Amino acid sequence: MKYQLTCPRCKYEFQYDNGYYDKAIAGLQAEISEMSAYLKEYKTWSVQKKRDYSEWRHQIILRQEKKMQELRELRELRKLYDQQLEHQQYKVFKELVKEKYGNDVYHSLLEETMKMLEAYKISDMMKVNYTRADGKKVISSGKL
């Protein structure tokens, strides 16, 4: 879906299409997994064939590292844009509430929300994630 976003600092308007980034990330993941499959196949070859194709293997590894760097950058961009999108949605919602119910009701709802969020923050901090020896994740939550 395409969105029109505005930078909060410089007020530059830009388009954000989260579908584009999702497709690009999926494409890069497919390329990386294909390269991994080539490298797995390389391990099954005979010693002589491995010697002949050692430069090919090196080039595959370099391309794979480059694609992984591109993937990290795309994920960071998508995360940044999603945060900006959520921020602008919140601003629009805030203005609608102020316009419809008034500033006093808005502030009372905001205080109530902050109290509820504080309770969630406390309960989230009491949850401790740890892993058992057999690799199963377990969440231990304390009592409130």
Protein backbone atom coordinates (compact mmCIF):
# COMPACT_ATOMS: atom_id res chain seq x y z
CA MET A 1 0.00 0.00 0.00
CA LYS A 2 1.32 3.45 -0.87
CA TYR A 3 1.46 6.27 1.66
CA GLN A 4 2.42 9.94 1.45
CA LEU A 5 4.66 10.72 4.43
CA THR A 6 6.30 13.90 5.70
CA CYS A 7 9.68 14.11 7.40
CA PRO A 8 9.18 15.54 10.91
CA ARG A 9 12.41 17.55 10.77
CA CYS A 10 12.69 19.02 7.29
CA LYS A 11 9.00 18.62 6.24
CA TYR A 12 10.04 16.87 3.01
CA GLU A 13 7.16 14.84 1.58
CA PHE A 14 7.89 11.41 0.16
CA GLN A 15 6.00 8.32 -0.92
CA TYR A 16 6.33 5.06 0.94
CA ASP A 17 5.22 1.76 -0.55
CA ASN A 18 5.63 -1.03 1.98
CA GLY A 19 4.77 -3.62 -0.68
CA TYR A 20 7.84 -2.61 -2.68
CA TYR A 21 10.14 -3.18 0.30
CA ASP A 22 8.45 -6.48 1.16
CA LYS A 23 8.95 -7.74 -2.40
CA ALA A 24 12.56 -6.55 -2.51
CA ILE A 25 13.32 -8.24 0.82
CA ALA A 26 11.67 -11.48 -0.31
CA GLY A 27 13.69 -11.39 -3.56
CA LEU A 28 16.96 -10.88 -1.72
CA GLN A 29 16.14 -13.69 0.70
CA ALA A 30 15.46 -16.00 -2.26
CA GLU A 31 18.79 -15.07 -3.89
CA ILE A 32 20.68 -15.66 -0.64
CA SER A 33 19.07 -19.05 -0.10
CA GLU A 34 19.88 -20.01 -3.70
CA MET A 35 23.53 -19.12 -3.12
CA SER A 36 23.51 -21.15 0.09
CA ALA A 37 22.16 -24.11 -1.87
CA TYR A 38 25.04 -23.74 -4.37
CA LEU A 39 27.53 -23.73 -1.51
CA LYS A 40 25.94 -26.84 0.03
CA GLU A 41 26.17 -28.58 -3.33
CA TYR A 42 29.83 -27.53 -3.60
CA LYS A 43 30.59 -29.40 -0.35
CA THR A 44 29.43 -32.67 -1.92
CA TRP A 45 31.83 -32.44 -4.88
CA SER A 46 35.06 -34.38 -5.23
CA VAL A 47 38.35 -32.84 -4.08
CA GLN A 48 39.57 -32.27 -7.65
CA LYS A 49 36.37 -30.53 -8.70
CA LYS A 50 36.51 -28.36 -5.54
CA ARG A 51 40.02 -27.24 -6.50
CA ASP A 52 38.88 -26.34 -10.00
CA TYR A 53 35.92 -24.32 -8.71
CA SER A 54 37.53 -22.66 -5.68
CA GLU A 55 37.44 -19.20 -7.32
CA TRP A 56 33.76 -19.72 -8.22
CA ARG A 57 33.04 -20.55 -4.57
CA HIS A 58 34.87 -17.42 -3.43
CA GLN A 59 32.81 -15.25 -5.82
CA ILE A 60 29.56 -16.82 -4.56
CA ILE A 61 30.54 -16.07 -0.97
CA LEU A 62 31.37 -12.44 -1.81
CA ARG A 63 28.06 -11.96 -3.65
CA GLN A 64 26.19 -13.58 -0.78
CA GLU A 65 27.78 -11.19 1.74
CA LYS A 66 26.90 -8.22 -0.48
CA LYS A 67 23.28 -9.37 -0.77
CA MET A 68 23.07 -9.88 2.99
CA GLN A 69 24.28 -6.30 3.52
CA GLU A 70 21.61 -5.04 1.08
CA LEU A 71 19.02 -7.09 2.95
CA ARG A 72 20.02 -5.54 6.29
CA GLU A 73 19.81 -2.05 4.81
CA LEU A 74 16.37 -2.70 3.29
CA ARG A 75 15.06 -4.07 6.59
CA GLU A 76 16.35 -0.99 8.43
CA LEU A 77 14.70 1.31 5.88
CA ARG A 78 11.40 -0.53 6.10
CA LYS A 79 11.51 -0.34 9.88
CA LEU A 80 12.20 3.41 9.79
CA TYR A 81 9.39 4.06 7.32
CA ASP A 82 6.96 1.94 9.31
CA GLN A 83 7.80 3.92 12.45
CA GLN A 84 7.23 7.17 10.58
CA LEU A 85 3.92 5.86 9.26
CA GLU A 86 2.75 4.91 12.76
CA HIS A 87 3.79 8.32 14.05
CA GLN A 88 1.77 10.13 11.37
CA GLN A 89 -1.26 7.89 11.93
CA TYR A 90 -1.08 8.73 15.63
CA LYS A 91 -0.90 12.46 14.85
CA VAL A 92 -3.99 12.28 12.61
CA PHE A 93 -5.89 10.27 15.23
CA LYS A 94 -4.88 12.74 17.96
CA GLU A 95 -6.14 15.70 15.94
CA LEU A 96 -9.44 13.93 15.21
CA VAL A 97 -10.01 13.21 18.90
CA LYS A 98 -9.20 16.81 19.84
CA GLU A 99 -11.50 18.13 17.14
CA LYS A 100 -14.42 15.87 17.97
CA TYR A 101 -14.29 15.70 21.80
CA GLY A 102 -12.27 18.74 22.81
CA ASN A 103 -8.92 19.30 24.44
CA ASP A 104 -10.02 18.42 28.01
CA VAL A 105 -11.38 15.00 27.04
CA TYR A 106 -8.26 14.38 24.97
CA HIS A 107 -5.97 15.05 27.94
CA SER A 108 -8.04 12.88 30.29
CA LEU A 109 -7.95 10.01 27.77
CA LEU A 110 -4.23 10.50 27.35
CA GLU A 111 -3.63 10.28 31.12
CA GLU A 112 -5.78 7.13 31.34
CA THR A 113 -3.83 5.59 28.47
CA MET A 114 -0.50 6.37 30.12
CA LYS A 115 -1.65 4.68 33.35
CA MET A 116 -2.65 1.56 31.41
CA LEU A 117 0.62 1.53 29.49
CA GLU A 118 2.60 1.86 32.73
CA ALA A 119 0.95 -1.32 34.02
CA TYR A 120 1.89 -3.11 30.80
CA LYS A 121 5.48 -1.87 31.04
CA ILE A 122 5.77 -3.19 34.60
CA SER A 123 4.35 -6.60 33.70
CA ASP A 124 6.61 -6.82 30.60
CA MET A 125 9.66 -6.07 32.72
CA MET A 126 8.75 -8.90 35.07
CA LYS A 127 8.84 -11.44 32.25
CA VAL A 128 12.23 -13.07 31.92
CA ASN A 129 13.11 -15.07 28.83
CA TYR A 130 15.54 -17.92 29.21
CA THR A 131 16.40 -21.06 27.30
CA ARG A 132 16.63 -24.56 28.70
CA ALA A 133 19.42 -26.95 27.84
CA ASP A 134 17.23 -28.74 25.32
CA GLY A 135 16.70 -25.49 23.37
CA LYS A 136 13.10 -24.80 24.36
CA LYS A 137 12.28 -21.18 25.13
CA VAL A 138 10.52 -20.60 28.42
CA ILE A 139 9.00 -17.38 29.75
CA SER A 140 8.99 -16.91 33.49
CA SER A 141 6.62 -14.21 34.67
CA GLY A 142 6.63 -12.79 38.17
CA LYS A 143 3.57 -11.98 40.19
CA LEU A 144 2.17 -8.47 40.14
